[in-house]
Amino acid sequence: MHFNKVEICGVDTAKLPVLSEEQKNELLFRCKQGDAHARQEMINGNLRLVLSVIQKFTNRGENLDDLFQVGCIGLIKAIDNFDPNQNVRFSTYGVPMIIGEIRRYLRDNNAIRVSRSMRDTAYRAMQCKEQFINEHQREPTMDELAALMETRREDVVLALEAIVDPVSLYEPVYSDGGDTIYVLDQVKDNKNGTELDWMDELSIRDSIRSLGEREKRILHLRFLRGKTQMEVAKEIGISQAQVSRLEKGALEHIKDSL
């Protein structure tokens, strides 16, 4: 399947229906009451969501028809487990479920070898995560996941990181017009009202890593060792004016990254 075509798995994407949020909510309530027709209508009305998600996997060389079918399994799981009484948009809940199902498929077909014990830990973590989402309508924190598995947080983190590819926080995973969901929307922390603090820390680390060795050393001596510019100049073997200029430039570089 190529994205300049309109057919995937025999589905004419040009004819896929588009549901409003009100229609989705109505169908979801009917699904909870066992209405099989509403369930099928909800599936058909969200196939665009699956198509939107699988576009982020286009550069992996995978058969997109296969990914579409796997993504539909994730969509069906999301529909069957979503609680319409929660104040959550279905797409916000459904996107991680679809991505999780696709990543599980890619992990099982991954040519990169991961140890059996780590893979087993990752499988169990994914199962516990899915169970938690079904019960609480949100993703668990890593501490909550480790508690469910009765294992160390570090082991869970290492296992999950071993089976997924890194992605950009600003990578879009779904868009229906002006309402775009980014990876960031799935991982931000609203609990303490400081959701951008950890992002700032990551940005600072990245910007420091991109500095030259001399600028790094100046910042280390000035702000970690508490030395004056004159002391730094003497230790490095340059003038105090040069230290001041390099320090100012390094700090401006870090500020720009924020």
C-alpha atoms as a PDB file:
ATOM      1  CA  MET A   1       0.000   0.000   0.000  1.00  0.00           C
ATOM      2  CA  HIS A   2       1.238   3.504  -0.854  1.00  0.00           C
ATOM      3  CA  PHE A   3      -0.267   6.609   0.609  1.00  0.00           C
ATOM      4  CA  ASN A   4      -1.026   8.071  -2.819  1.00  0.00           C
ATOM      5  CA  LYS A   5      -3.511   5.226  -3.238  1.00  0.00           C
ATOM      6  CA  VAL A   6      -6.818   4.917  -1.465  1.00  0.00           C
ATOM      7  CA  GLU A   7      -7.064   1.175  -0.880  1.00  0.00           C
ATOM      8  CA  ILE A   8      -5.567  -0.782   1.991  1.00  0.00           C
ATOM      9  CA  CYS A   9      -6.591  -4.297   2.966  1.00  0.00           C
ATOM     10  CA  GLY A  10      -9.455  -3.961   0.491  1.00  0.00           C
ATOM     11  CA  VAL A  11     -10.769  -0.835   2.257  1.00  0.00           C
ATOM     12  CA  ASP A  12     -11.393   2.230   0.114  1.00  0.00           C
ATOM     13  CA  THR A  13      -9.962   4.917   2.406  1.00  0.00           C
ATOM     14  CA  ALA A  14     -11.639   7.675   0.397  1.00  0.00           C
ATOM     15  CA  LYS A  15     -15.010   6.351   1.485  1.00  0.00           C
ATOM     16  CA  LEU A  16     -14.284   5.917   5.182  1.00  0.00           C
ATOM     17  CA  PRO A  17     -16.828   7.730   7.377  1.00  0.00           C
ATOM     18  CA  VAL A  18     -15.841  10.538   9.736  1.00  0.00           C
ATOM     19  CA  LEU A  19     -17.573  10.542  13.124  1.00  0.00           C
ATOM     20  CA  SER A  20     -18.099  13.560  15.343  1.00  0.00           C
ATOM     21  CA  GLU A  21     -17.278  13.304  19.050  1.00  0.00           C
ATOM     22  CA  GLU A  22     -21.000  13.223  19.817  1.00  0.00           C
ATOM     23  CA  GLN A  23     -21.509  10.308  17.427  1.00  0.00           C
ATOM     24  CA  LYS A  24     -18.542   8.460  18.925  1.00  0.00           C
ATOM     25  CA  ASN A  25     -19.885   8.896  22.453  1.00  0.00           C
ATOM     26  CA  GLU A  26     -23.336   7.699  21.441  1.00  0.00           C
ATOM     27  CA  LEU A  27     -21.906   4.625  19.699  1.00  0.00           C
ATOM     28  CA  LEU A  28     -19.634   3.834  22.647  1.00  0.00           C
ATOM     29  CA  PHE A  29     -22.567   3.881  25.066  1.00  0.00           C
ATOM     30  CA  ARG A  30     -24.472   1.554  22.750  1.00  0.00           C
ATOM     31  CA  CYS A  31     -21.416  -0.703  22.508  1.00  0.00           C
ATOM     32  CA  LYS A  32     -21.379  -1.023  26.305  1.00  0.00           C
ATOM     33  CA  GLN A  33     -24.989  -2.178  26.104  1.00  0.00           C
ATOM     34  CA  GLY A  34     -24.013  -4.991  23.739  1.00  0.00           C
ATOM     35  CA  ASP A  35     -25.098  -3.372  20.467  1.00  0.00           C
ATOM     36  CA  ALA A  36     -23.061  -5.271  17.844  1.00  0.00           C
ATOM     37  CA  HIS A  37     -24.141  -2.918  15.041  1.00  0.00           C
ATOM     38  CA  ALA A  38     -22.901   0.113  16.994  1.00  0.00           C
ATOM     39  CA  ARG A  39     -19.595  -1.677  17.633  1.00  0.00           C
ATOM     40  CA  GLN A  40     -19.083  -2.309  13.919  1.00  0.00           C
ATOM     41  CA  GLU A  41     -20.064   1.269  13.109  1.00  0.00           C
ATOM     42  CA  MET A  42     -17.557   2.528  15.689  1.00  0.00           C
ATOM     43  CA  ILE A  43     -14.825   0.368  14.163  1.00  0.00           C
ATOM     44  CA  ASN A  44     -15.571   1.577  10.626  1.00  0.00           C
ATOM     45  CA  GLY A  45     -15.758   5.166  11.822  1.00  0.00           C
ATOM     46  CA  ASN A  46     -12.269   5.009  13.350  1.00  0.00           C
ATOM     47  CA  LEU A  47     -10.318   3.261  10.598  1.00  0.00           C
ATOM     48  CA  ARG A  48      -8.884   6.671   9.695  1.00  0.00           C
ATOM     49  CA  LEU A  49      -7.417   6.736  13.193  1.00  0.00           C
ATOM     50  CA  VAL A  50      -5.603   3.456  12.475  1.00  0.00           C
ATOM     51  CA  LEU A  51      -4.368   4.768   9.129  1.00  0.00           C
ATOM     52  CA  SER A  52      -3.088   7.935  10.767  1.00  0.00           C
ATOM     53  CA  VAL A  53      -1.177   5.957  13.405  1.00  0.00           C
ATOM     54  CA  ILE A  54       0.497   3.487  11.024  1.00  0.00           C
ATOM     55  CA  GLN A  55       1.966   6.331   8.962  1.00  0.00           C
ATOM     56  CA  LYS A  56       4.607   6.766  11.670  1.00  0.00           C
ATOM     57  CA  PHE A  57       5.834   3.243  10.907  1.00  0.00           C
ATOM     58  CA  THR A  58       6.207   3.714   7.139  1.00  0.00           C
ATOM     59  CA  ASN A  59      10.026   3.824   7.185  1.00  0.00           C
ATOM     60  CA  ARG A  60      10.466   0.403   8.783  1.00  0.00           C
ATOM     61  CA  GLY A  61      10.007  -1.578   5.591  1.00  0.00           C
ATOM     62  CA  GLU A  62       6.995  -3.415   7.025  1.00  0.00           C
ATOM     63  CA  ASN A  63       3.972  -4.418   4.982  1.00  0.00           C
ATOM     64  CA  LEU A  64       1.473  -1.677   5.752  1.00  0.00           C
ATOM     65  CA  ASP A  65      -1.496  -3.938   5.045  1.00  0.00           C
ATOM     66  CA  ASP A  66      -0.257  -6.135   7.898  1.00  0.00           C
ATOM     67  CA  LEU A  67       0.258  -3.126  10.169  1.00  0.00           C
ATOM     68  CA  PHE A  68      -3.236  -1.890   9.336  1.00  0.00           C
ATOM     69  CA  GLN A  69      -4.772  -5.203  10.354  1.00  0.00           C
ATOM     70  CA  VAL A  70      -2.747  -5.261  13.578  1.00  0.00           C
ATOM     71  CA  GLY A  71      -3.739  -1.656  14.263  1.00  0.00           C
ATOM     72  CA  CYS A  72      -7.397  -2.622  13.816  1.00  0.00           C
ATOM     73  CA  ILE A  73      -6.948  -5.220  16.571  1.00  0.00           C
ATOM     74  CA  GLY A  74      -5.709  -2.424  18.849  1.00  0.00           C
ATOM     75  CA  LEU A  75      -8.682  -0.281  17.815  1.00  0.00           C
ATOM     76  CA  ILE A  76     -11.145  -3.070  18.653  1.00  0.00           C
ATOM     77  CA  LYS A  77      -9.493  -3.583  22.049  1.00  0.00           C
ATOM     78  CA  ALA A  78      -9.771   0.160  22.707  1.00  0.00           C
ATOM     79  CA  ILE A  79     -13.472   0.187  21.764  1.00  0.00           C
ATOM     80  CA  ASP A  80     -14.254  -2.855  23.911  1.00  0.00           C
ATOM     81  CA  ASN A  81     -12.409  -1.512  26.951  1.00  0.00           C
ATOM     82  CA  PHE A  82     -13.135   2.212  26.771  1.00  0.00           C
ATOM     83  CA  ASP A  83     -15.327   3.679  29.497  1.00  0.00           C
ATOM     84  CA  PRO A  84     -17.528   6.393  27.928  1.00  0.00           C
ATOM     85  CA  ASN A  85     -18.324   7.753  31.404  1.00  0.00           C
ATOM     86  CA  GLN A  86     -14.741   8.973  31.756  1.00  0.00           C
ATOM     87  CA  ASN A  87     -13.988  12.526  30.655  1.00  0.00           C
ATOM     88  CA  VAL A  88     -11.489  11.369  28.023  1.00  0.00           C
ATOM     89  CA  ARG A  89     -11.628  11.638  24.248  1.00  0.00           C
ATOM     90  CA  PHE A  90     -11.691   8.244  22.596  1.00  0.00           C
ATOM     91  CA  SER A  91      -8.748   9.119  20.337  1.00  0.00           C
ATOM     92  CA  THR A  92      -6.613   9.962  23.390  1.00  0.00           C
ATOM     93  CA  TYR A  93      -7.315   6.498  24.777  1.00  0.00           C
ATOM     94  CA  GLY A  94      -7.317   4.633  21.461  1.00  0.00           C
ATOM     95  CA  VAL A  95      -4.036   5.911  19.987  1.00  0.00           C
ATOM     96  CA  PRO A  96      -1.770   4.326  22.664  1.00  0.00           C
ATOM     97  CA  MET A  97      -3.726   1.065  22.368  1.00  0.00           C
ATOM     98  CA  ILE A  98      -3.220   0.967  18.595  1.00  0.00           C
ATOM     99  CA  ILE A  99       0.453   1.906  18.891  1.00  0.00           C
ATOM    100  CA  GLY A 100       0.943  -0.729  21.595  1.00  0.00           C
ATOM    101  CA  GLU A 101      -0.564  -3.449  19.437  1.00  0.00           C
ATOM    102  CA  ILE A 102       1.615  -2.487  16.447  1.00  0.00           C
ATOM    103  CA  ARG A 103       4.760  -2.314  18.565  1.00  0.00           C
ATOM    104  CA  ARG A 104       3.952  -5.706  20.063  1.00  0.00           C
ATOM    105  CA  TYR A 105       3.723  -7.092  16.526  1.00  0.00           C
ATOM    106  CA  LEU A 106       6.981  -5.412  15.479  1.00  0.00           C
ATOM    107  CA  ARG A 107       8.704  -6.607  18.638  1.00  0.00           C
ATOM    108  CA  ASP A 108       7.693 -10.210  17.968  1.00  0.00           C
ATOM    109  CA  ASN A 109       9.084  -9.907  14.427  1.00  0.00           C
ATOM    110  CA  ASN A 110      12.183  -7.914  15.374  1.00  0.00           C
ATOM    111  CA  ALA A 111      15.479  -9.167  13.944  1.00  0.00           C
ATOM    112  CA  ILE A 112      17.413  -7.606  16.844  1.00  0.00           C
ATOM    113  CA  ARG A 113      17.990 -10.221  19.508  1.00  0.00           C
ATOM    114  CA  VAL A 114      16.833  -9.403  23.032  1.00  0.00           C
ATOM    115  CA  SER A 115      17.491 -11.841  25.876  1.00  0.00           C
ATOM    116  CA  ARG A 116      14.639 -14.230  26.677  1.00  0.00           C
ATOM    117  CA  SER A 117      14.346 -13.087  30.298  1.00  0.00           C
ATOM    118  CA  MET A 118      14.206  -9.411  29.323  1.00  0.00           C
ATOM    119  CA  ARG A 119      11.672 -10.154  26.599  1.00  0.00           C
ATOM    120  CA  ASP A 120       9.512 -12.097  29.068  1.00  0.00           C
ATOM    121  CA  THR A 121       9.667  -9.185  31.517  1.00  0.00           C
ATOM    122  CA  ALA A 122       8.631  -6.806  28.726  1.00  0.00           C
ATOM    123  CA  TYR A 123       5.720  -9.065  27.700  1.00  0.00           C
ATOM    124  CA  ARG A 124       4.478  -9.205  31.284  1.00  0.00           C
ATOM    125  CA  ALA A 125       4.869  -5.420  31.635  1.00  0.00           C
ATOM    126  CA  MET A 126       2.796  -4.852  28.501  1.00  0.00           C
ATOM    127  CA  GLN A 127       0.073  -7.166  29.800  1.00  0.00           C
ATOM    128  CA  CYS A 128      -0.005  -5.448  33.196  1.00  0.00           C
ATOM    129  CA  LYS A 129      -0.010  -2.053  31.476  1.00  0.00           C
ATOM    130  CA  GLU A 130      -2.968  -3.021  29.299  1.00  0.00           C
ATOM    131  CA  GLN A 131      -4.839  -4.371  32.332  1.00  0.00           C
ATOM    132  CA  PHE A 132      -4.177  -1.134  34.242  1.00  0.00           C
ATOM    133  CA  ILE A 133      -5.401   0.988  31.297  1.00  0.00           C
ATOM    134  CA  ASN A 134      -8.591  -1.061  31.083  1.00  0.00           C
ATOM    135  CA  GLU A 135      -9.276  -0.550  34.780  1.00  0.00           C
ATOM    136  CA  HIS A 136      -8.214   3.085  35.209  1.00  0.00           C
ATOM    137  CA  GLN A 137      -8.600   4.582  31.695  1.00  0.00           C
ATOM    138  CA  ARG A 138      -5.029   5.906  31.842  1.00  0.00           C
ATOM    139  CA  GLU A 139      -1.499   4.614  31.487  1.00  0.00           C
ATOM    140  CA  PRO A 140       0.283   3.545  34.687  1.00  0.00           C
ATOM    141  CA  THR A 141       3.400   5.241  35.939  1.00  0.00           C
ATOM    142  CA  MET A 142       6.553   3.137  35.940  1.00  0.00           C
ATOM    143  CA  ASP A 143       6.330   2.804  39.733  1.00  0.00           C
ATOM    144  CA  GLU A 144       2.736   1.584  39.496  1.00  0.00           C
ATOM    145  CA  LEU A 145       3.713  -0.886  36.792  1.00  0.00           C
ATOM    146  CA  ALA A 146       6.624  -2.223  38.834  1.00  0.00           C
ATOM    147  CA  ALA A 147       4.334  -2.597  41.865  1.00  0.00           C
ATOM    148  CA  LEU A 148       1.823  -4.577  39.794  1.00  0.00           C
ATOM    149  CA  MET A 149       4.604  -6.886  38.587  1.00  0.00           C
ATOM    150  CA  GLU A 150       6.200  -7.082  42.033  1.00  0.00           C
ATOM    151  CA  THR A 151       9.589  -6.370  40.545  1.00  0.00           C
ATOM    152  CA  ARG A 152      12.163  -3.590  40.533  1.00  0.00           C
ATOM    153  CA  ARG A 153      11.358  -0.411  38.639  1.00  0.00           C
ATOM    154  CA  GLU A 154      14.790  -0.554  36.959  1.00  0.00           C
ATOM    155  CA  ASP A 155      14.119  -4.015  35.530  1.00  0.00           C
ATOM    156  CA  VAL A 156      10.811  -2.875  34.030  1.00  0.00           C
ATOM    157  CA  VAL A 157      12.381   0.225  32.475  1.00  0.00           C
ATOM    158  CA  LEU A 158      15.264  -1.728  30.925  1.00  0.00           C
ATOM    159  CA  ALA A 159      12.953  -4.420  29.553  1.00  0.00           C
ATOM    160  CA  LEU A 160      10.556  -1.943  27.935  1.00  0.00           C
ATOM    161  CA  GLU A 161      13.368   0.167  26.510  1.00  0.00           C
ATOM    162  CA  ALA A 162      14.929  -2.941  24.952  1.00  0.00           C
ATOM    163  CA  ILE A 163      11.894  -3.648  22.775  1.00  0.00           C
ATOM    164  CA  VAL A 164      10.898  -0.213  21.466  1.00  0.00           C
ATOM    165  CA  ASP A 165      12.459   2.273  19.106  1.00  0.00           C
ATOM    166  CA  PRO A 166      13.140   5.824  20.335  1.00  0.00           C
ATOM    167  CA  VAL A 167      10.731   8.460  19.023  1.00  0.00           C
ATOM    168  CA  SER A 168      10.623  12.230  19.138  1.00  0.00           C
ATOM    169  CA  LEU A 169       8.406  13.791  21.801  1.00  0.00           C
ATOM    170  CA  TYR A 170       7.068  16.085  19.099  1.00  0.00           C
ATOM    171  CA  GLU A 171       6.261  13.303  16.630  1.00  0.00           C
ATOM    172  CA  PRO A 172       2.557  13.463  15.701  1.00  0.00           C
ATOM    173  CA  VAL A 173       0.744  10.172  16.191  1.00  0.00           C
ATOM    174  CA  TYR A 174      -2.738  11.298  15.160  1.00  0.00           C
ATOM    175  CA  SER A 175      -4.445  14.327  13.688  1.00  0.00           C
ATOM    176  CA  ASP A 176      -8.071  14.986  12.829  1.00  0.00           C
ATOM    177  CA  GLY A 177      -7.845  18.489  11.448  1.00  0.00           C
ATOM    178  CA  GLY A 178      -6.691  20.923  14.114  1.00  0.00           C
ATOM    179  CA  ASP A 179      -6.626  18.385  16.951  1.00  0.00           C
ATOM    180  CA  THR A 180      -3.175  16.783  16.709  1.00  0.00           C
ATOM    181  CA  ILE A 181      -1.953  14.278  19.304  1.00  0.00           C
ATOM    182  CA  TYR A 182       1.805  14.144  19.793  1.00  0.00           C
ATOM    183  CA  VAL A 183       3.918  11.598  21.656  1.00  0.00           C
ATOM    184  CA  LEU A 184       4.343  14.332  24.264  1.00  0.00           C
ATOM    185  CA  ASP A 185       0.601  14.287  24.970  1.00  0.00           C
ATOM    186  CA  GLN A 186       0.836  10.644  26.014  1.00  0.00           C
ATOM    187  CA  VAL A 187       3.770  11.048  28.413  1.00  0.00           C
ATOM    188  CA  LYS A 188       3.386  14.478  30.024  1.00  0.00           C
ATOM    189  CA  ASP A 189       2.941  14.594  33.789  1.00  0.00           C
ATOM    190  CA  ASN A 190       0.002  16.671  34.991  1.00  0.00           C
ATOM    191  CA  LYS A 191       0.148  15.388  38.563  1.00  0.00           C
ATOM    192  CA  ASN A 192       2.384  18.068  40.011  1.00  0.00           C
ATOM    193  CA  GLY A 193       1.533  20.891  37.641  1.00  0.00           C
ATOM    194  CA  THR A 194       5.149  20.984  36.411  1.00  0.00           C
ATOM    195  CA  GLU A 195       4.807  19.019  33.200  1.00  0.00           C
ATOM    196  CA  LEU A 196       7.521  21.019  31.412  1.00  0.00           C
ATOM    197  CA  ASP A 197      10.183  20.834  34.141  1.00  0.00           C
ATOM    198  CA  TRP A 198      11.539  17.479  33.044  1.00  0.00           C
ATOM    199  CA  MET A 199      11.509  18.645  29.423  1.00  0.00           C
ATOM    200  CA  ASP A 200      13.580  21.663  30.403  1.00  0.00           C
ATOM    201  CA  GLU A 201      16.038  19.342  32.123  1.00  0.00           C
ATOM    202  CA  LEU A 202      16.329  17.198  28.992  1.00  0.00           C
ATOM    203  CA  SER A 203      16.815  20.297  26.846  1.00  0.00           C
ATOM    204  CA  ILE A 204      19.526  21.609  29.185  1.00  0.00           C
ATOM    205  CA  ARG A 205      21.353  18.285  29.086  1.00  0.00           C
ATOM    206  CA  ASP A 206      21.191  18.149  25.300  1.00  0.00           C
ATOM    207  CA  SER A 207      22.389  21.717  24.893  1.00  0.00           C
ATOM    208  CA  ILE A 208      25.287  21.169  27.320  1.00  0.00           C
ATOM    209  CA  ARG A 209      26.299  18.033  25.426  1.00  0.00           C
ATOM    210  CA  SER A 210      26.440  20.094  22.226  1.00  0.00           C
ATOM    211  CA  LEU A 211      28.886  22.603  23.764  1.00  0.00           C
ATOM    212  CA  GLY A 212      32.625  22.435  23.129  1.00  0.00           C
ATOM    213  CA  GLU A 213      34.866  20.807  25.709  1.00  0.00           C
ATOM    214  CA  ARG A 214      36.254  24.165  26.855  1.00  0.00           C
ATOM    215  CA  GLU A 215      32.787  25.637  27.398  1.00  0.00           C
ATOM    216  CA  LYS A 216      31.737  22.517  29.329  1.00  0.00           C
ATOM    217  CA  ARG A 217      34.797  22.813  31.543  1.00  0.00           C
ATOM    218  CA  ILE A 218      34.166  26.507  32.199  1.00  0.00           C
ATOM    219  CA  LEU A 219      30.568  25.833  33.277  1.00  0.00           C
ATOM    220  CA  HIS A 220      31.712  22.949  35.458  1.00  0.00           C
ATOM    221  CA  LEU A 221      34.342  25.046  37.210  1.00  0.00           C
ATOM    222  CA  ARG A 222      32.099  28.080  37.566  1.00  0.00           C
ATOM    223  CA  PHE A 223      28.830  26.534  38.705  1.00  0.00           C
ATOM    224  CA  LEU A 224      29.751  23.154  40.152  1.00  0.00           C
ATOM    225  CA  ARG A 225      33.123  24.021  41.668  1.00  0.00           C
ATOM    226  CA  GLY A 226      32.213  27.616  42.553  1.00  0.00           C
ATOM    227  CA  LYS A 227      35.338  29.194  41.087  1.00  0.00           C
ATOM    228  CA  THR A 228      35.572  32.822  39.989  1.00  0.00           C
ATOM    229  CA  GLN A 229      36.191  33.764  36.386  1.00  0.00           C
ATOM    230  CA  MET A 230      39.723  34.788  37.299  1.00  0.00           C
ATOM    231  CA  GLU A 231      40.390  31.366  38.915  1.00  0.00           C
ATOM    232  CA  VAL A 232      38.946  29.589  35.900  1.00  0.00           C
ATOM    233  CA  ALA A 233      41.085  31.680  33.545  1.00  0.00           C
ATOM    234  CA  LYS A 234      44.212  30.771  35.482  1.00  0.00           C
ATOM    235  CA  GLU A 235      43.366  27.051  35.518  1.00  0.00           C
ATOM    236  CA  ILE A 236      42.501  26.864  31.830  1.00  0.00           C
ATOM    237  CA  GLY A 237      45.237  29.196  30.665  1.00  0.00           C
ATOM    238  CA  ILE A 238      43.200  31.918  28.976  1.00  0.00           C
ATOM    239  CA  SER A 239      42.270  35.478  29.896  1.00  0.00           C
ATOM    240  CA  GLN A 240      39.420  36.406  32.244  1.00  0.00           C
ATOM    241  CA  ALA A 241      37.782  38.275  29.339  1.00  0.00           C
ATOM    242  CA  GLN A 242      37.803  35.088  27.264  1.00  0.00           C
ATOM    243  CA  VAL A 243      36.266  33.123  30.131  1.00  0.00           C
ATOM    244  CA  SER A 244      33.528  35.748  30.453  1.00  0.00           C
ATOM    245  CA  ARG A 245      32.809  35.657  26.707  1.00  0.00           C
ATOM    246  CA  LEU A 246      32.738  31.838  26.505  1.00  0.00           C
ATOM    247  CA  GLU A 247      30.613  31.539  29.637  1.00  0.00           C
ATOM    248  CA  LYS A 248      28.110  34.091  28.332  1.00  0.00           C
ATOM    249  CA  GLY A 249      27.914  32.341  24.955  1.00  0.00           C
ATOM    250  CA  ALA A 250      27.372  28.935  26.592  1.00  0.00           C
ATOM    251  CA  LEU A 251      24.588  30.264  28.805  1.00  0.00           C
ATOM    252  CA  GLU A 252      22.907  31.976  25.851  1.00  0.00           C
ATOM    253  CA  HIS A 253      23.069  28.683  23.942  1.00  0.00           C
ATOM    254  CA  ILE A 254      21.340  26.879  26.823  1.00  0.00           C
ATOM    255  CA  LYS A 255      18.682  29.598  27.142  1.00  0.00           C
ATOM    256  CA  ASP A 256      17.949  29.406  23.415  1.00  0.00           C
ATOM    257  CA  SER A 257      17.344  25.668  23.722  1.00  0.00           C
ATOM    258  CA  LEU A 258      14.567  26.363  26.260  1.00  0.00           C
END
